[in-house]
């Protein structure tokens, strides 16, 4: 086992709203697809990297109490946190130093009520 994680899904109630939120804060495009009974919008990733998606369907309920997913924000997570507020989300934990070797983290509440985390090295 090379990585402890190989896929993640963030549950949503309103796919259009959630997709617009994440595309705006991460400044990316998220292609959509339907897989069985689930509507999905995919985060960009390299084939060798961990991937993930927004997911809407039966058994998918947004929550602030579930597992925490840390999205990679490249060099600096602060611009992403700034866009969270602009897009109607809220900051739960501001940009905070973990250690110089590990970098920084922050948590936000998204448009659906999920608490999601961010990581960057500076």
Protein backbone atom coordinates (compact mmCIF):
# COMPACT_ATOMS: atom_id res chain seq x y z
CA UNK A 1 0.00 0.00 0.00
CA UNK A 2 1.59 3.26 -1.17
CA UNK A 3 -1.10 5.69 0.02
CA UNK A 4 -3.66 5.43 2.78
CA UNK A 5 -6.18 7.26 0.59
CA UNK A 6 -7.10 6.62 -3.03
CA UNK A 7 -10.49 8.34 -3.46
CA UNK A 8 -12.82 10.72 -1.61
CA UNK A 9 -16.37 11.97 -2.05
CA UNK A 10 -17.97 15.10 -0.62
CA UNK A 11 -21.77 14.68 -0.31
CA UNK A 12 -23.99 17.48 -1.62
CA UNK A 13 -27.71 18.30 -1.75
CA UNK A 14 -27.56 20.80 -4.62
CA UNK A 15 -25.00 19.74 -7.26
CA UNK A 16 -25.16 22.96 -9.28
CA UNK A 17 -24.62 25.12 -6.19
CA UNK A 18 -21.84 22.92 -4.77
CA UNK A 19 -20.05 22.60 -8.13
CA UNK A 20 -20.14 26.38 -8.63
CA UNK A 21 -18.79 26.87 -5.08
CA UNK A 22 -15.83 24.51 -5.50
CA UNK A 23 -15.02 25.65 -9.04
CA UNK A 24 -14.91 29.25 -7.77
CA UNK A 25 -12.79 28.69 -4.67
CA UNK A 26 -10.33 26.29 -6.33
CA UNK A 27 -10.38 28.10 -9.68
CA UNK A 28 -10.87 24.87 -11.63
CA UNK A 29 -13.38 23.10 -13.84
CA UNK A 30 -15.14 20.02 -12.53
CA UNK A 31 -16.56 17.71 -15.21
CA UNK A 32 -19.86 16.02 -14.33
CA UNK A 33 -21.10 12.50 -14.89
CA UNK A 34 -23.89 10.25 -13.64
CA UNK A 35 -22.82 6.87 -12.31
CA UNK A 36 -25.79 4.68 -11.58
CA UNK A 37 -28.03 6.67 -9.24
CA UNK A 38 -25.30 9.16 -8.30
CA UNK A 39 -24.58 12.55 -9.85
CA UNK A 40 -20.90 13.41 -9.58
CA UNK A 41 -18.58 16.35 -10.31
CA UNK A 42 -14.89 15.44 -10.35
CA UNK A 43 -12.00 17.37 -8.84
CA UNK A 44 -9.00 17.67 -11.17
CA UNK A 45 -6.16 15.23 -10.49
CA UNK A 46 -3.28 13.46 -12.15
CA UNK A 47 -3.82 9.77 -12.86
CA UNK A 48 -1.21 8.84 -10.23
CA UNK A 49 -2.72 11.15 -7.59
CA UNK A 50 -5.59 10.69 -5.17
CA UNK A 51 -8.84 11.81 -6.80
CA UNK A 52 -12.27 12.71 -5.60
CA UNK A 53 -15.66 14.11 -6.44
CA UNK A 54 -18.76 15.86 -5.24
CA UNK A 55 -21.56 13.30 -5.03
CA UNK A 56 -25.34 13.61 -4.89
CA UNK A 57 -27.66 10.68 -4.38
CA UNK A 58 -29.24 8.30 -1.93
CA UNK A 59 -27.10 7.81 1.21
CA UNK A 60 -25.14 11.05 0.58
CA UNK A 61 -25.81 13.57 3.35
CA UNK A 62 -23.62 16.63 3.92
CA UNK A 63 -22.27 16.92 7.47
CA UNK A 64 -19.79 18.86 9.55
CA UNK A 65 -19.32 15.81 11.78
CA UNK A 66 -17.86 13.27 9.33
CA UNK A 67 -14.34 12.59 8.15
CA UNK A 68 -12.19 15.60 7.31
CA UNK A 69 -10.82 15.83 3.79
CA UNK A 70 -7.76 18.01 3.23
CA UNK A 71 -7.65 19.58 -0.23
CA UNK A 72 -4.24 20.53 -1.59
CA UNK A 73 -4.05 24.30 -2.16
CA UNK A 74 -0.61 24.40 -3.77
CA UNK A 75 1.71 27.05 -2.39
CA UNK A 76 -0.68 29.04 -0.17
CA UNK A 77 -4.16 28.21 1.11
CA UNK A 78 -5.08 31.78 2.09
CA UNK A 79 -6.38 32.83 -1.36
CA UNK A 80 -8.66 29.77 -1.36
CA UNK A 81 -9.97 30.64 2.13
CA UNK A 82 -10.60 34.20 0.93
CA UNK A 83 -12.71 32.88 -1.96
CA UNK A 84 -14.70 30.64 0.43
CA UNK A 85 -16.19 33.71 2.10
CA UNK A 86 -16.78 35.43 -1.27
CA UNK A 87 -18.76 32.35 -2.40
CA UNK A 88 -20.99 32.24 0.68
CA UNK A 89 -19.08 29.69 2.75
CA UNK A 90 -17.59 30.38 6.16
CA UNK A 91 -14.21 29.92 7.82
CA UNK A 92 -14.22 27.41 10.68
CA UNK A 93 -10.46 27.45 11.41
CA UNK A 94 -8.32 30.21 9.86
CA UNK A 95 -4.97 29.50 8.23
CA UNK A 96 -2.92 27.92 11.02
CA UNK A 97 0.70 26.73 11.14
CA UNK A 98 1.08 23.03 11.91
CA UNK A 99 4.91 23.03 11.82
CA UNK A 100 7.42 24.51 9.36
CA UNK A 101 8.05 21.00 7.99
CA UNK A 102 4.37 20.08 7.58
CA UNK A 103 2.90 23.45 6.57
CA UNK A 104 -0.49 25.07 7.20
CA UNK A 105 -4.12 24.04 7.42
CA UNK A 106 -7.51 25.71 7.57
CA UNK A 107 -11.11 24.48 7.73
CA UNK A 108 -14.20 25.90 6.07
CA UNK A 109 -17.90 25.16 5.83
CA UNK A 110 -19.00 24.74 2.20
CA UNK A 111 -22.27 25.65 0.50
CA UNK A 112 -23.79 22.32 1.57
CA UNK A 113 -22.85 22.34 5.27
CA UNK A 114 -19.76 20.08 5.01
CA UNK A 115 -16.64 21.00 6.95
CA UNK A 116 -13.68 20.60 4.59
CA UNK A 117 -10.00 21.24 5.30
CA UNK A 118 -7.23 22.81 3.23
CA UNK A 119 -3.46 22.29 3.28
CA UNK A 120 -0.46 24.21 1.91
CA UNK A 121 3.23 24.49 2.71
CA UNK A 122 3.19 28.28 3.18
